[in-house]
Protein backbone atom coordinates (compact mmCIF):
# COMPACT_ATOMS: atom_id res chain seq x y z
CA UNK A 1 -0.01 0.22 -0.02
CA UNK A 2 1.01 3.33 -0.78
CA UNK A 3 2.21 5.51 1.97
CA UNK A 4 2.01 9.24 2.26
CA UNK A 5 5.11 9.36 4.53
CA UNK A 6 7.50 8.34 1.89
CA UNK A 7 6.17 10.92 -0.29
CA UNK A 8 5.61 13.98 2.02
CA UNK A 9 7.96 12.57 4.94
CA UNK A 10 6.72 12.33 8.39
CA UNK A 11 5.36 15.46 9.93
CA UNK A 12 7.36 14.38 13.39
CA UNK A 13 10.21 16.82 14.05
CA UNK A 14 11.90 16.75 17.24
CA UNK A 15 14.49 19.47 18.88
CA UNK A 16 17.55 18.97 20.60
CA UNK A 17 16.49 19.61 23.91
CA UNK A 18 18.26 18.42 27.41
CA UNK A 19 17.99 18.70 31.34
CA UNK A 20 20.36 20.85 33.09
CA UNK A 21 22.00 17.42 33.81
CA UNK A 22 22.50 16.54 30.17
CA UNK A 23 20.01 13.72 29.59
CA UNK A 24 17.96 14.00 26.26
CA UNK A 25 14.21 15.21 26.63
CA UNK A 26 11.99 13.54 23.82
CA UNK A 27 9.85 16.25 22.54
CA UNK A 28 8.04 17.24 19.30
CA UNK A 29 7.25 20.00 17.66
CA UNK A 30 3.19 19.90 16.78
CA UNK A 31 1.68 20.64 13.81
CA UNK A 32 -0.24 23.73 13.15
CA UNK A 33 -3.96 24.20 14.33
CA UNK A 34 -6.32 22.97 11.84
CA UNK A 35 -10.21 24.05 11.60
CA UNK A 36 -11.27 21.57 13.82
CA UNK A 37 -8.75 22.24 16.75
CA UNK A 38 -9.45 25.86 16.48
CA UNK A 39 -13.40 25.48 17.13
CA UNK A 40 -12.71 23.05 19.76
CA UNK A 41 -10.57 26.07 21.44
CA UNK A 42 -13.81 28.32 21.02
CA UNK A 43 -15.90 25.61 22.61
CA UNK A 44 -13.34 25.44 25.49
CA UNK A 45 -12.95 29.06 25.79
CA UNK A 46 -17.12 29.17 26.18
CA UNK A 47 -17.66 26.47 28.58
CA UNK A 48 -14.40 26.99 31.01
CA UNK A 49 -12.62 30.50 30.05
CA UNK A 50 -14.74 33.22 30.37
CA UNK A 51 -12.71 34.83 33.22
CA UNK A 52 -9.34 33.72 30.85
CA UNK A 53 -6.97 36.73 30.04
CA UNK A 54 -6.10 35.92 26.09
CA UNK A 55 -2.47 36.50 25.75
CA UNK A 56 -1.57 35.16 21.94
CA UNK A 57 -3.60 33.44 19.29
CA UNK A 58 -3.44 29.59 18.83
CA UNK A 59 -0.56 28.11 16.96
CA UNK A 60 1.17 24.63 16.90
CA UNK A 61 4.68 23.93 17.89
CA UNK A 62 4.47 23.59 21.92
CA UNK A 63 2.03 22.21 24.48
CA UNK A 64 2.07 23.59 27.82
CA UNK A 65 5.38 21.89 28.77
CA UNK A 66 6.77 23.24 25.76
CA UNK A 67 5.53 26.59 26.99
CA UNK A 68 7.28 26.11 30.50
CA UNK A 69 10.76 24.13 29.73
CA UNK A 70 11.38 24.83 26.01
CA UNK A 71 10.56 28.40 25.21
CA UNK A 72 7.74 28.01 23.14
CA UNK A 73 9.63 25.57 20.49
CA UNK A 74 8.36 22.32 21.15
CA UNK A 75 5.97 19.79 22.95
CA UNK A 76 6.92 17.50 25.81
CA UNK A 77 3.89 15.28 25.84
CA UNK A 78 4.99 12.55 28.32
CA UNK A 79 4.96 12.08 31.98
CA UNK A 80 8.30 10.45 31.89
CA UNK A 81 9.95 13.63 30.72
CA UNK A 82 8.15 15.71 33.00
CA UNK A 83 9.43 13.72 35.85
CA UNK A 84 12.81 13.84 34.31
CA UNK A 85 12.81 17.60 34.15
CA UNK A 86 11.61 18.25 37.77
CA UNK A 87 14.61 15.83 38.95
CA UNK A 88 17.28 16.85 36.68
CA UNK A 89 16.62 20.38 36.78
CA UNK A 90 16.57 20.75 40.67
CA UNK A 91 12.85 21.90 40.80
CA UNK A 92 11.08 20.63 44.40
CA UNK A 93 7.06 20.92 45.25
CA UNK A 94 6.49 23.77 47.65
CA UNK A 95 5.29 22.95 51.06
CA UNK A 96 2.26 23.74 52.43
CA UNK A 97 4.20 26.96 54.50
CA UNK A 98 5.56 28.36 51.47
CA UNK A 99 3.69 30.85 49.10
CA UNK A 100 4.56 30.17 45.11
CA UNK A 101 6.44 33.62 43.43
CA UNK A 102 6.46 34.39 40.20
CA UNK A 103 8.02 32.06 37.85
CA UNK A 104 7.33 29.08 40.18
CA UNK A 105 5.16 26.31 38.38
CA UNK A 106 1.66 25.24 38.93
CA UNK A 107 1.18 21.24 38.14
CA UNK A 108 -1.86 19.78 38.20
CA UNK A 109 -2.26 15.96 37.89
CA UNK A 110 -4.57 13.13 38.64
CA UNK A 111 -3.95 9.93 40.61
CA UNK A 112 -5.39 7.78 37.27
CA UNK A 113 -4.09 9.98 34.65
CA UNK A 114 -0.91 11.31 35.71
CA UNK A 115 0.16 14.79 34.74
CA UNK A 116 -2.66 17.07 33.12
CA UNK A 117 -0.87 20.56 32.73
CA UNK A 118 1.92 22.54 33.88
CA UNK A 119 1.77 26.37 33.98
CA UNK A 120 3.86 29.54 35.40
CA UNK A 121 2.82 31.67 38.00
CA UNK A 122 3.09 34.90 36.14
CA UNK A 123 1.26 37.37 38.64
CA UNK A 124 0.42 37.82 42.19
CA UNK A 125 -2.05 39.87 43.48
CA UNK A 126 -3.28 40.98 47.33
CA UNK A 127 -6.17 39.02 48.53
CA UNK A 128 -9.43 40.41 48.85
CA UNK A 129 -8.55 41.16 53.05
CA UNK A 130 -5.13 41.45 54.91
CA UNK A 131 -5.77 37.98 56.22
CA UNK A 132 -6.60 36.25 53.05
CA UNK A 133 -3.80 34.53 50.95
CA UNK A 134 -2.32 36.06 48.06
CA UNK A 135 -4.20 35.52 44.20
CA UNK A 136 -1.93 33.90 42.16
CA UNK A 137 -2.30 33.77 38.21
CA UNK A 138 -0.99 31.02 35.94
CA UNK A 139 0.06 31.07 32.43
CA UNK A 140 -1.17 28.46 30.13
CA UNK A 141 -1.22 26.78 27.01
CA UNK A 142 -3.83 24.03 27.06
CA UNK A 143 -2.64 21.53 24.25
CA UNK A 144 -0.30 22.26 21.36
CA UNK A 145 -2.97 23.97 19.01
CA UNK A 146 -4.51 26.47 21.50
CA UNK A 147 -3.46 29.83 22.33
CA UNK A 148 -2.07 31.35 25.47
CA UNK A 149 -3.87 32.52 28.19
CA UNK A 150 -3.65 33.77 31.96
CA UNK A 151 -6.24 32.39 34.55
CA UNK A 152 -6.90 31.91 38.21
CA UNK A 153 -5.26 28.07 39.31
CA UNK A 154 -8.76 26.95 39.79
CA UNK A 155 -10.11 28.26 36.26
CA UNK A 156 -8.90 24.79 34.79
CA UNK A 157 -10.97 23.29 31.69
CA UNK A 158 -10.47 19.61 33.59
CA UNK A 159 -11.89 20.08 36.72
CA UNK A 160 -15.14 18.50 36.15
CA UNK A 161 -13.66 15.56 33.94
CA UNK A 162 -10.97 15.07 36.81
CA UNK A 163 -12.51 15.84 39.87
CA UNK A 164 -9.64 14.35 41.92
CA UNK A 165 -7.11 16.40 40.46
CA UNK A 166 -4.31 18.12 42.54
CA UNK A 167 -2.74 21.61 42.24
CA UNK A 168 0.91 21.65 43.24
CA UNK A 169 3.50 24.06 43.04
CA UNK A 170 6.97 23.55 42.33
CA UNK A 171 10.19 26.11 41.81
CA UNK A 172 13.71 25.58 41.26
CA UNK A 173 14.55 27.90 43.98
CA UNK A 174 16.77 26.90 47.07
CA UNK A 175 14.87 25.94 50.18
């Protein structure tokens, strides 16, 4: 049977990407958005993102992990690679007594599924009262074909599908 891959080549493109310790990170440059993925994103915004602040238009190339760890150049879809990056790049989970700072990571995961999403803290506002905790804003890209959005930590599209999801804050700052 004739294969299009022989005619046009594989759409798979990987960049050379390593952890700080020098281990390779598997990645894939994502394809551009299609009409279908653009419509899907509009539904996502309508259903979950009415309070999201739009940062940039939909594009291919990178996912949330590529936004966070690869300067918007590629997607890093596999949990094993995320675990490798967290360990080899010197990240640590914040304790309950620590507040995240701008630049720290918001990592969402579900026990049954694994990692759901990673975003970066980009803004911290004061709480409504002096006793209220600070309000963190997260920069996110929901998948490799979506745009980027700034949102509150609980304003995520998977909260209903993965009710067991947990949010942890991680940092590469020393303790």
